[in-house]
């Protein structure tokens, strides 16, 4: 089973021997905010991902995949047929990408 993103951050921090205070300072957030993030009581802002990537020397793309896959999982896990939802979402994403490329813009 895959861990949650907040569990992943907690594990990274512990494996690297960092205190909440030290990591919070490196991410430029409050220690209590980081504690809430690690405990799953608050979502980590996407803007922090590059800093997190730098602090732990992790590929940003891999970190983004973990982050966004959790957001998608949270949306679809209560549904009866999540695989069909994923397939439909993938098709819509492809369509949106093509449409935005044709218009000369890509919205992220």
PDB file of N, CA and C in Angstrom:
ATOM      1  N   UNK A   1       0.836  -1.172   0.000  1.00  0.00           N
ATOM      2  CA  UNK A   1       0.000   0.000   0.000  1.00  0.00           C
ATOM      3  C   UNK A   1       0.889   1.247   0.000  1.00  0.00           C
ATOM      4  N   UNK A   2       0.459   2.240  -0.698  1.00  0.00           N
ATOM      5  CA  UNK A   2       1.178   3.512  -0.820  1.00  0.00           C
ATOM      6  C   UNK A   2       0.814   4.414   0.354  1.00  0.00           C
ATOM      7  N   UNK A   3       1.805   5.083   0.896  1.00  0.00           N
ATOM      8  CA  UNK A   3       1.566   6.000   2.000  1.00  0.00           C
ATOM      9  C   UNK A   3       0.963   7.303   1.502  1.00  0.00           C
ATOM     10  N   UNK A   4       0.379   8.060   2.429  1.00  0.00           N
ATOM     11  CA  UNK A   4      -0.156   9.363   2.058  1.00  0.00           C
ATOM     12  C   UNK A   4       0.994  10.347   1.898  1.00  0.00           C
ATOM     13  N   UNK A   5       0.720  11.463   1.269  1.00  0.00           N
ATOM     14  CA  UNK A   5       1.762  12.461   1.048  1.00  0.00           C
ATOM     15  C   UNK A   5       2.264  13.020   2.376  1.00  0.00           C
ATOM     16  N   UNK A   6       1.363  13.220   3.335  1.00  0.00           N
ATOM     17  CA  UNK A   6       1.800  13.736   4.639  1.00  0.00           C
ATOM     18  C   UNK A   6       2.669  12.711   5.361  1.00  0.00           C
ATOM     19  N   UNK A   7       2.358  11.437   5.235  1.00  0.00           N
ATOM     20  CA  UNK A   7       3.201  10.398   5.828  1.00  0.00           C
ATOM     21  C   UNK A   7       4.572  10.361   5.143  1.00  0.00           C
ATOM     22  N   UNK A   8       4.570  10.596   3.846  1.00  0.00           N
ATOM     23  CA  UNK A   8       5.804  10.610   3.069  1.00  0.00           C
ATOM     24  C   UNK A   8       6.721  11.742   3.537  1.00  0.00           C
ATOM     25  N   UNK A   9       6.153  12.921   3.748  1.00  0.00           N
ATOM     26  CA  UNK A   9       6.939  14.058   4.223  1.00  0.00           C
ATOM     27  C   UNK A   9       7.513  13.767   5.605  1.00  0.00           C
ATOM     28  N   UNK A  10       6.682  13.218   6.472  1.00  0.00           N
ATOM     29  CA  UNK A  10       7.135  12.866   7.822  1.00  0.00           C
ATOM     30  C   UNK A  10       8.292  11.862   7.760  1.00  0.00           C
ATOM     31  N   UNK A  11       8.139  10.856   6.904  1.00  0.00           N
ATOM     32  CA  UNK A  11       9.185   9.838   6.759  1.00  0.00           C
ATOM     33  C   UNK A  11      10.487  10.462   6.250  1.00  0.00           C
ATOM     34  N   UNK A  12      10.383  11.319   5.251  1.00  0.00           N
ATOM     35  CA  UNK A  12      11.578  11.987   4.716  1.00  0.00           C
ATOM     36  C   UNK A  12      12.277  12.801   5.800  1.00  0.00           C
ATOM     37  N   UNK A  13      11.496  13.523   6.572  1.00  0.00           N
ATOM     38  CA  UNK A  13      12.068  14.351   7.620  1.00  0.00           C
ATOM     39  C   UNK A  13      12.800  13.495   8.649  1.00  0.00           C
ATOM     40  N   UNK A  14      12.160  12.411   9.067  1.00  0.00           N
ATOM     41  CA  UNK A  14      12.770  11.535  10.073  1.00  0.00           C
ATOM     42  C   UNK A  14      14.007  10.822   9.527  1.00  0.00           C
ATOM     43  N   UNK A  15      13.925  10.334   8.290  1.00  0.00           N
ATOM     44  CA  UNK A  15      15.063   9.646   7.686  1.00  0.00           C
ATOM     45  C   UNK A  15      16.276  10.555   7.552  1.00  0.00           C
ATOM     46  N   UNK A  16      16.016  11.849   7.406  1.00  0.00           N
ATOM     47  CA  UNK A  16      17.098  12.812   7.254  1.00  0.00           C
ATOM     48  C   UNK A  16      17.484  13.473   8.577  1.00  0.00           C
ATOM     49  N   UNK A  17      16.924  12.968   9.666  1.00  0.00           N
ATOM     50  CA  UNK A  17      17.278  13.470  10.988  1.00  0.00           C
ATOM     51  C   UNK A  17      16.954  14.932  11.216  1.00  0.00           C
ATOM     52  N   UNK A  18      15.880  15.403  10.594  1.00  0.00           N
ATOM     53  CA  UNK A  18      15.508  16.807  10.724  1.00  0.00           C
ATOM     54  C   UNK A  18      14.404  16.970  11.763  1.00  0.00           C
ATOM     55  N   UNK A  19      14.474  18.028  12.509  1.00  0.00           N
ATOM     56  CA  UNK A  19      13.401  18.363  13.431  1.00  0.00           C
ATOM     57  C   UNK A  19      12.304  19.096  12.661  1.00  0.00           C
ATOM     58  N   UNK A  20      11.124  19.180  13.271  1.00  0.00           N
ATOM     59  CA  UNK A  20      10.045  19.970  12.671  1.00  0.00           C
ATOM     60  C   UNK A  20      10.499  21.412  12.473  1.00  0.00           C
ATOM     61  N   UNK A  21      11.181  21.925  13.460  1.00  0.00           N
ATOM     62  CA  UNK A  21      11.642  23.319  13.410  1.00  0.00           C
ATOM     63  C   UNK A  21      12.588  23.549  12.237  1.00  0.00           C
ATOM     64  N   UNK A  22      13.535  22.643  12.057  1.00  0.00           N
ATOM     65  CA  UNK A  22      14.528  22.799  10.989  1.00  0.00           C
ATOM     66  C   UNK A  22      13.877  22.700   9.609  1.00  0.00           C
ATOM     67  N   UNK A  23      13.003  21.711   9.416  1.00  0.00           N
ATOM     68  CA  UNK A  23      12.353  21.575   8.115  1.00  0.00           C
ATOM     69  C   UNK A  23      11.408  22.740   7.856  1.00  0.00           C
ATOM     70  N   UNK A  24      10.651  23.135   8.862  1.00  0.00           N
ATOM     71  CA  UNK A  24       9.740  24.272   8.699  1.00  0.00           C
ATOM     72  C   UNK A  24      10.508  25.515   8.273  1.00  0.00           C
ATOM     73  N   UNK A  25      11.660  25.746   8.895  1.00  0.00           N
ATOM     74  CA  UNK A  25      12.483  26.906   8.532  1.00  0.00           C
ATOM     75  C   UNK A  25      12.970  26.795   7.090  1.00  0.00           C
ATOM     76  N   UNK A  26      13.380  25.592   6.683  1.00  0.00           N
ATOM     77  CA  UNK A  26      13.859  25.385   5.311  1.00  0.00           C
ATOM     78  C   UNK A  26      12.744  25.605   4.289  1.00  0.00           C
ATOM     79  N   UNK A  27      11.512  25.300   4.687  1.00  0.00           N
ATOM     80  CA  UNK A  27      10.369  25.465   3.785  1.00  0.00           C
ATOM     81  C   UNK A  27       9.733  26.849   3.914  1.00  0.00           C
ATOM     82  N   UNK A  28      10.223  27.628   4.879  1.00  0.00           N
ATOM     83  CA  UNK A  28       9.709  28.967   5.147  1.00  0.00           C
ATOM     84  C   UNK A  28       8.232  28.934   5.546  1.00  0.00           C
ATOM     85  N   UNK A  29       7.903  27.976   6.425  1.00  0.00           N
ATOM     86  CA  UNK A  29       6.553  27.890   6.980  1.00  0.00           C
ATOM     87  C   UNK A  29       6.675  27.741   8.496  1.00  0.00           C
ATOM     88  N   UNK A  30       5.585  27.941   9.183  1.00  0.00           N
ATOM     89  CA  UNK A  30       5.550  27.825  10.628  1.00  0.00           C
ATOM     90  C   UNK A  30       5.643  26.353  11.044  1.00  0.00           C
ATOM     91  N   UNK A  31       6.282  26.109  12.177  1.00  0.00           N
ATOM     92  CA  UNK A  31       6.437  24.740  12.684  1.00  0.00           C
ATOM     93  C   UNK A  31       5.076  24.086  12.933  1.00  0.00           C
ATOM     94  N   UNK A  32       4.125  24.844  13.459  1.00  0.00           N
ATOM     95  CA  UNK A  32       2.788  24.267  13.719  1.00  0.00           C
ATOM     96  C   UNK A  32       2.089  23.907  12.410  1.00  0.00           C
ATOM     97  N   UNK A  33       2.336  24.675  11.362  1.00  0.00           N
ATOM     98  CA  UNK A  33       1.766  24.363  10.046  1.00  0.00           C
ATOM     99  C   UNK A  33       2.349  23.057   9.528  1.00  0.00           C
ATOM    100  N   UNK A  34       3.653  22.894   9.653  1.00  0.00           N
ATOM    101  CA  UNK A  34       4.283  21.652   9.214  1.00  0.00           C
ATOM    102  C   UNK A  34       3.767  20.470  10.012  1.00  0.00           C
ATOM    103  N   UNK A  35       3.589  20.639  11.294  1.00  0.00           N
ATOM    104  CA  UNK A  35       3.049  19.567  12.134  1.00  0.00           C
ATOM    105  C   UNK A  35       1.656  19.161  11.662  1.00  0.00           C
ATOM    106  N   UNK A  36       0.817  20.149  11.353  1.00  0.00           N
ATOM    107  CA  UNK A  36      -0.536  19.862  10.854  1.00  0.00           C
ATOM    108  C   UNK A  36      -0.479  19.150   9.510  1.00  0.00           C
ATOM    109  N   UNK A  37       0.470  19.547   8.666  1.00  0.00           N
ATOM    110  CA  UNK A  37       0.635  18.886   7.363  1.00  0.00           C
ATOM    111  C   UNK A  37       1.019  17.428   7.574  1.00  0.00           C
ATOM    112  N   UNK A  38       2.009  17.181   8.423  1.00  0.00           N
ATOM    113  CA  UNK A  38       2.466  15.813   8.664  1.00  0.00           C
ATOM    114  C   UNK A  38       1.388  14.947   9.304  1.00  0.00           C
ATOM    115  N   UNK A  39       0.496  15.557  10.064  1.00  0.00           N
ATOM    116  CA  UNK A  39      -0.573  14.809  10.723  1.00  0.00           C
ATOM    117  C   UNK A  39      -1.840  14.717   9.882  1.00  0.00           C
ATOM    118  N   UNK A  40      -1.786  15.228   8.655  1.00  0.00           N
ATOM    119  CA  UNK A  40      -2.920  15.123   7.749  1.00  0.00           C
ATOM    120  C   UNK A  40      -4.064  16.066   8.080  1.00  0.00           C
ATOM    121  N   UNK A  41      -3.792  17.077   8.892  1.00  0.00           N
ATOM    122  CA  UNK A  41      -4.830  18.029   9.276  1.00  0.00           C
ATOM    123  C   UNK A  41      -4.844  19.259   8.381  1.00  0.00           C
ATOM    124  N   UNK A  42      -3.824  19.373   7.545  1.00  0.00           N
ATOM    125  CA  UNK A  42      -3.720  20.495   6.625  1.00  0.00           C
ATOM    126  C   UNK A  42      -3.011  20.026   5.363  1.00  0.00           C
ATOM    127  N   UNK A  43      -3.430  20.553   4.236  1.00  0.00           N
ATOM    128  CA  UNK A  43      -2.795  20.212   2.961  1.00  0.00           C
ATOM    129  C   UNK A  43      -1.555  21.061   2.758  1.00  0.00           C
ATOM    130  N   UNK A  44      -0.566  20.462   2.147  1.00  0.00           N
ATOM    131  CA  UNK A  44       0.655  21.208   1.844  1.00  0.00           C
ATOM    132  C   UNK A  44       0.402  22.060   0.601  1.00  0.00           C
ATOM    133  N   UNK A  45       0.743  23.324   0.643  1.00  0.00           N
ATOM    134  CA  UNK A  45       0.571  24.169  -0.544  1.00  0.00           C
ATOM    135  C   UNK A  45       1.500  23.708  -1.672  1.00  0.00           C
ATOM    136  N   UNK A  46       1.000  23.676  -2.871  1.00  0.00           N
ATOM    137  CA  UNK A  46       1.775  23.201  -4.016  1.00  0.00           C
ATOM    138  C   UNK A  46       3.034  24.050  -4.213  1.00  0.00           C
ATOM    139  N   UNK A  47       2.999  25.296  -3.788  1.00  0.00           N
ATOM    140  CA  UNK A  47       4.149  26.185  -3.954  1.00  0.00           C
ATOM    141  C   UNK A  47       5.370  25.725  -3.157  1.00  0.00           C
ATOM    142  N   UNK A  48       5.152  24.866  -2.162  1.00  0.00           N
ATOM    143  CA  UNK A  48       6.246  24.397  -1.309  1.00  0.00           C
ATOM    144  C   UNK A  48       7.001  23.225  -1.956  1.00  0.00           C
ATOM    145  N   UNK A  49       6.407  22.592  -2.946  1.00  0.00           N
ATOM    146  CA  UNK A  49       7.035  21.412  -3.551  1.00  0.00           C
ATOM    147  C   UNK A  49       8.464  21.668  -4.046  1.00  0.00           C
ATOM    148  N   UNK A  50       8.742  22.769  -4.742  1.00  0.00           N
ATOM    149  CA  UNK A  50      10.138  22.984  -5.166  1.00  0.00           C
ATOM    150  C   UNK A  50      11.116  23.067  -3.994  1.00  0.00           C
ATOM    151  N   UNK A  51      10.717  23.719  -2.917  1.00  0.00           N
ATOM    152  CA  UNK A  51      11.576  23.796  -1.736  1.00  0.00           C
ATOM    153  C   UNK A  51      11.776  22.413  -1.126  1.00  0.00           C
ATOM    154  N   UNK A  52      10.695  21.648  -1.041  1.00  0.00           N
ATOM    155  CA  UNK A  52      10.770  20.295  -0.496  1.00  0.00           C
ATOM    156  C   UNK A  52      11.692  19.433  -1.342  1.00  0.00           C
ATOM    157  N   UNK A  53      11.586  19.589  -2.649  1.00  0.00           N
ATOM    158  CA  UNK A  53      12.445  18.866  -3.580  1.00  0.00           C
ATOM    159  C   UNK A  53      13.910  19.203  -3.338  1.00  0.00           C
ATOM    160  N   UNK A  54      14.180  20.474  -3.140  1.00  0.00           N
ATOM    161  CA  UNK A  54      15.549  20.931  -2.918  1.00  0.00           C
ATOM    162  C   UNK A  54      16.092  20.448  -1.573  1.00  0.00           C
ATOM    163  N   UNK A  55      15.304  20.573  -0.525  1.00  0.00           N
ATOM    164  CA  UNK A  55      15.750  20.181   0.821  1.00  0.00           C
ATOM    165  C   UNK A  55      16.125  18.707   0.866  1.00  0.00           C
ATOM    166  N   UNK A  56      15.305  17.860   0.244  1.00  0.00           N
ATOM    167  CA  UNK A  56      15.542  16.421   0.317  1.00  0.00           C
ATOM    168  C   UNK A  56      16.218  15.853  -0.932  1.00  0.00           C
ATOM    169  N   UNK A  57      16.597  16.743  -1.857  1.00  0.00           N
ATOM    170  CA  UNK A  57      17.268  16.316  -3.087  1.00  0.00           C
ATOM    171  C   UNK A  57      16.467  15.233  -3.824  1.00  0.00           C
ATOM    172  N   UNK A  58      15.197  15.544  -4.029  1.00  0.00           N
ATOM    173  CA  UNK A  58      14.270  14.641  -4.711  1.00  0.00           C
ATOM    174  C   UNK A  58      13.863  15.302  -6.025  1.00  0.00           C
ATOM    175  N   UNK A  59      13.739  14.508  -7.058  1.00  0.00           N
ATOM    176  CA  UNK A  59      13.291  15.009  -8.347  1.00  0.00           C
ATOM    177  C   UNK A  59      11.917  15.662  -8.192  1.00  0.00           C
ATOM    178  N   UNK A  60      11.796  16.908  -8.636  1.00  0.00           N
ATOM    179  CA  UNK A  60      10.549  17.656  -8.491  1.00  0.00           C
ATOM    180  C   UNK A  60       9.392  16.970  -9.200  1.00  0.00           C
ATOM    181  N   UNK A  61       9.635  16.415 -10.373  1.00  0.00           N
ATOM    182  CA  UNK A  61       8.561  15.722 -11.115  1.00  0.00           C
ATOM    183  C   UNK A  61       8.007  14.549 -10.307  1.00  0.00           C
ATOM    184  N   UNK A  62       8.878  13.774  -9.696  1.00  0.00           N
ATOM    185  CA  UNK A  62       8.417  12.651  -8.881  1.00  0.00           C
ATOM    186  C   UNK A  62       7.604  13.135  -7.685  1.00  0.00           C
ATOM    187  N   UNK A  63       8.049  14.213  -7.080  1.00  0.00           N
ATOM    188  CA  UNK A  63       7.331  14.783  -5.951  1.00  0.00           C
ATOM    189  C   UNK A  63       5.958  15.287  -6.385  1.00  0.00           C
ATOM    190  N   UNK A  64       5.908  15.933  -7.532  1.00  0.00           N
ATOM    191  CA  UNK A  64       4.626  16.415  -8.068  1.00  0.00           C
ATOM    192  C   UNK A  64       3.695  15.248  -8.380  1.00  0.00           C
ATOM    193  N   UNK A  65       4.235  14.159  -8.899  1.00  0.00           N
ATOM    194  CA  UNK A  65       3.405  12.988  -9.186  1.00  0.00           C
ATOM    195  C   UNK A  65       2.784  12.454  -7.904  1.00  0.00           C
ATOM    196  N   UNK A  66       3.577  12.361  -6.847  1.00  0.00           N
ATOM    197  CA  UNK A  66       3.056  11.908  -5.549  1.00  0.00           C
ATOM    198  C   UNK A  66       1.964  12.850  -5.050  1.00  0.00           C
ATOM    199  N   UNK A  67       2.219  14.126  -5.153  1.00  0.00           N
ATOM    200  CA  UNK A  67       1.293  15.143  -4.663  1.00  0.00           C
ATOM    201  C   UNK A  67      -0.032  15.112  -5.433  1.00  0.00           C
ATOM    202  N   UNK A  68       0.048  15.207  -6.754  1.00  0.00           N
ATOM    203  CA  UNK A  68      -1.165  15.272  -7.555  1.00  0.00           C
ATOM    204  C   UNK A  68      -1.911  13.943  -7.597  1.00  0.00           C
ATOM    205  N   UNK A  69      -1.191  12.833  -7.539  1.00  0.00           N
ATOM    206  CA  UNK A  69      -1.880  11.540  -7.525  1.00  0.00           C
ATOM    207  C   UNK A  69      -2.711  11.387  -6.256  1.00  0.00           C
ATOM    208  N   UNK A  70      -2.243  11.967  -5.156  1.00  0.00           N
ATOM    209  CA  UNK A  70      -3.033  11.906  -3.927  1.00  0.00           C
ATOM    210  C   UNK A  70      -4.298  12.746  -4.042  1.00  0.00           C
ATOM    211  N   UNK A  71      -4.181  13.911  -4.663  1.00  0.00           N
ATOM    212  CA  UNK A  71      -5.360  14.751  -4.861  1.00  0.00           C
ATOM    213  C   UNK A  71      -6.403  14.008  -5.695  1.00  0.00           C
ATOM    214  N   UNK A  72      -5.948  13.370  -6.755  1.00  0.00           N
ATOM    215  CA  UNK A  72      -6.858  12.606  -7.612  1.00  0.00           C
ATOM    216  C   UNK A  72      -7.458  11.434  -6.840  1.00  0.00           C
ATOM    217  N   UNK A  73      -6.637  10.735  -6.076  1.00  0.00           N
ATOM    218  CA  UNK A  73      -7.112   9.589  -5.293  1.00  0.00           C
ATOM    219  C   UNK A  73      -8.170  10.010  -4.288  1.00  0.00           C
ATOM    220  N   UNK A  74      -7.981  11.158  -3.651  1.00  0.00           N
ATOM    221  CA  UNK A  74      -8.958  11.649  -2.676  1.00  0.00           C
ATOM    222  C   UNK A  74     -10.303  11.923  -3.328  1.00  0.00           C
ATOM    223  N   UNK A  75     -10.279  12.337  -4.573  1.00  0.00           N
ATOM    224  CA  UNK A  75     -11.519  12.631  -5.285  1.00  0.00           C
ATOM    225  C   UNK A  75     -12.231  11.352  -5.704  1.00  0.00           C
ATOM    226  N   UNK A  76     -11.481  10.360  -6.182  1.00  0.00           N
ATOM    227  CA  UNK A  76     -12.130   9.196  -6.784  1.00  0.00           C
ATOM    228  C   UNK A  76     -12.321   7.999  -5.859  1.00  0.00           C
ATOM    229  N   UNK A  77     -11.614   7.929  -4.717  1.00  0.00           N
ATOM    230  CA  UNK A  77     -11.684   6.703  -3.929  1.00  0.00           C
ATOM    231  C   UNK A  77     -13.089   6.342  -3.448  1.00  0.00           C
ATOM    232  N   UNK A  78     -13.978   7.320  -3.194  1.00  0.00           N
ATOM    233  CA  UNK A  78     -15.316   6.907  -2.746  1.00  0.00           C
ATOM    234  C   UNK A  78     -16.208   6.369  -3.874  1.00  0.00           C
ATOM    235  N   UNK A  79     -15.793   6.551  -5.104  1.00  0.00           N
ATOM    236  CA  UNK A  79     -16.624   6.156  -6.245  1.00  0.00           C
ATOM    237  C   UNK A  79     -16.580   4.652  -6.480  1.00  0.00           C
ATOM    238  N   UNK A  80     -17.644   4.126  -7.079  1.00  0.00           N
ATOM    239  CA  UNK A  80     -17.752   2.689  -7.317  1.00  0.00           C
ATOM    240  C   UNK A  80     -16.759   2.179  -8.357  1.00  0.00           C
ATOM    241  N   UNK A  81     -16.507   2.950  -9.388  1.00  0.00           N
ATOM    242  CA  UNK A  81     -15.649   2.487 -10.471  1.00  0.00           C
ATOM    243  C   UNK A  81     -14.538   3.505 -10.746  1.00  0.00           C
ATOM    244  N   UNK A  82     -13.537   3.558  -9.857  1.00  0.00           N
ATOM    245  CA  UNK A  82     -12.489   4.570 -10.015  1.00  0.00           C
ATOM    246  C   UNK A  82     -11.675   4.425 -11.293  1.00  0.00           C
ATOM    247  N   UNK A  83     -11.501   3.202 -11.790  1.00  0.00           N
ATOM    248  CA  UNK A  83     -10.720   3.017 -13.023  1.00  0.00           C
ATOM    249  C   UNK A  83     -11.389   3.683 -14.211  1.00  0.00           C
ATOM    250  N   UNK A  84     -12.715   3.600 -14.276  1.00  0.00           N
ATOM    251  CA  UNK A  84     -13.433   4.252 -15.370  1.00  0.00           C
ATOM    252  C   UNK A  84     -13.331   5.771 -15.261  1.00  0.00           C
ATOM    253  N   UNK A  85     -13.365   6.274 -14.028  1.00  0.00           N
ATOM    254  CA  UNK A  85     -13.192   7.715 -13.826  1.00  0.00           C
ATOM    255  C   UNK A  85     -11.806   8.168 -14.269  1.00  0.00           C
ATOM    256  N   UNK A  86     -10.788   7.391 -13.937  1.00  0.00           N
ATOM    257  CA  UNK A  86      -9.427   7.732 -14.339  1.00  0.00           C
ATOM    258  C   UNK A  86      -9.283   7.749 -15.853  1.00  0.00           C
ATOM    259  N   UNK A  87      -9.883   6.773 -16.498  1.00  0.00           N
ATOM    260  CA  UNK A  87      -9.818   6.708 -17.960  1.00  0.00           C
ATOM    261  C   UNK A  87     -10.509   7.916 -18.582  1.00  0.00           C
ATOM    262  N   UNK A  88     -11.684   8.268 -18.068  1.00  0.00           N
ATOM    263  CA  UNK A  88     -12.410   9.431 -18.580  1.00  0.00           C
ATOM    264  C   UNK A  88     -11.616  10.711 -18.333  1.00  0.00           C
ATOM    265  N   UNK A  89     -11.021  10.831 -17.156  1.00  0.00           N
ATOM    266  CA  UNK A  89     -10.220  12.021 -16.835  1.00  0.00           C
ATOM    267  C   UNK A  89      -9.002  12.119 -17.742  1.00  0.00           C
ATOM    268  N   UNK A  90      -8.380  10.981 -18.018  1.00  0.00           N
ATOM    269  CA  UNK A  90      -7.214  10.976 -18.899  1.00  0.00           C
ATOM    270  C   UNK A  90      -7.599  11.466 -20.294  1.00  0.00           C
ATOM    271  N   UNK A  91      -8.730  11.002 -20.794  1.00  0.00           N
ATOM    272  CA  UNK A  91      -9.194  11.430 -22.113  1.00  0.00           C
ATOM    273  C   UNK A  91      -9.493  12.931 -22.120  1.00  0.00           C
ATOM    274  N   UNK A  92     -10.134  13.426 -21.051  1.00  0.00           N
ATOM    275  CA  UNK A  92     -10.429  14.859 -20.985  1.00  0.00           C
ATOM    276  C   UNK A  92      -9.139  15.673 -20.898  1.00  0.00           C
ATOM    277  N   UNK A  93      -8.162  15.186 -20.151  1.00  0.00           N
ATOM    278  CA  UNK A  93      -6.885  15.894 -20.030  1.00  0.00           C
ATOM    279  C   UNK A  93      -6.195  15.976 -21.386  1.00  0.00           C
ATOM    280  N   UNK A  94      -6.226  14.882 -22.147  1.00  0.00           N
ATOM    281  CA  UNK A  94      -5.629  14.885 -23.491  1.00  0.00           C
ATOM    282  C   UNK A  94      -6.326  15.907 -24.377  1.00  0.00           C
ATOM    283  N   UNK A  95      -7.663  15.918 -24.325  1.00  0.00           N
ATOM    284  CA  UNK A  95      -8.436  16.861 -25.123  1.00  0.00           C
ATOM    285  C   UNK A  95      -8.092  18.303 -24.740  1.00  0.00           C
ATOM    286  N   UNK A  96      -8.044  18.579 -23.448  1.00  0.00           N
ATOM    287  CA  UNK A  96      -7.752  19.923 -22.969  1.00  0.00           C
ATOM    288  C   UNK A  96      -6.350  20.368 -23.377  1.00  0.00           C
ATOM    289  N   UNK A  97      -5.401  19.451 -23.308  1.00  0.00           N
ATOM    290  CA  UNK A  97      -4.028  19.773 -23.693  1.00  0.00           C
ATOM    291  C   UNK A  97      -3.974  20.132 -25.183  1.00  0.00           C
ATOM    292  N   UNK A  98      -4.601  19.324 -26.019  1.00  0.00           N
ATOM    293  CA  UNK A  98      -4.619  19.592 -27.467  1.00  0.00           C
ATOM    294  C   UNK A  98      -5.308  20.915 -27.758  1.00  0.00           C
ATOM    295  N   UNK A  99      -6.447  21.142 -27.124  1.00  0.00           N
ATOM    296  CA  UNK A  99      -7.192  22.384 -27.350  1.00  0.00           C
ATOM    297  C   UNK A  99      -6.357  23.592 -26.928  1.00  0.00           C
ATOM    298  N   UNK A 100      -5.698  23.511 -25.784  1.00  0.00           N
ATOM    299  CA  UNK A 100      -4.868  24.629 -25.321  1.00  0.00           C
ATOM    300  C   UNK A 100      -3.651  24.825 -26.202  1.00  0.00           C
ATOM    301  N   UNK A 101      -3.081  23.749 -26.720  1.00  0.00           N
ATOM    302  CA  UNK A 101      -1.939  23.880 -27.611  1.00  0.00           C
ATOM    303  C   UNK A 101      -2.350  24.557 -28.906  1.00  0.00           C
ATOM    304  N   UNK A 102      -3.536  24.237 -29.388  1.00  0.00           N
ATOM    305  CA  UNK A 102      -4.044  24.853 -30.601  1.00  0.00           C
ATOM    306  C   UNK A 102      -4.284  26.344 -30.397  1.00  0.00           C
ATOM    307  N   UNK A 103      -4.658  26.703 -29.179  1.00  0.00           N
ATOM    308  CA  UNK A 103      -4.915  28.112 -28.877  1.00  0.00           C
ATOM    309  C   UNK A 103      -3.627  28.829 -28.467  1.00  0.00           C
ATOM    310  N   UNK A 104      -2.557  28.056 -28.309  1.00  0.00           N
ATOM    311  CA  UNK A 104      -1.279  28.655 -27.948  1.00  0.00           C
ATOM    312  C   UNK A 104      -1.092  28.891 -26.458  1.00  0.00           C
ATOM    313  N   UNK A 105      -1.972  28.301 -25.681  1.00  0.00           N
ATOM    314  CA  UNK A 105      -1.852  28.470 -24.217  1.00  0.00           C
ATOM    315  C   UNK A 105      -2.015  27.112 -23.542  1.00  0.00           C
ATOM    316  N   UNK A 106      -1.303  26.956 -22.456  1.00  0.00           N
ATOM    317  CA  UNK A 106      -1.474  25.770 -21.614  1.00  0.00           C
ATOM    318  C   UNK A 106      -1.647  26.290 -20.198  1.00  0.00           C
ATOM    319  N   UNK A 107      -2.737  25.887 -19.571  1.00  0.00           N
ATOM    320  CA  UNK A 107      -3.005  26.312 -18.207  1.00  0.00           C
ATOM    321  C   UNK A 107      -2.634  25.217 -17.239  1.00  0.00           C
ATOM    322  N   UNK A 108      -1.763  25.556 -16.298  1.00  0.00           N
ATOM    323  CA  UNK A 108      -1.369  24.591 -15.263  1.00  0.00           C
ATOM    324  C   UNK A 108      -1.773  25.123 -13.918  1.00  0.00           C
TER     325      UNK A 108
END
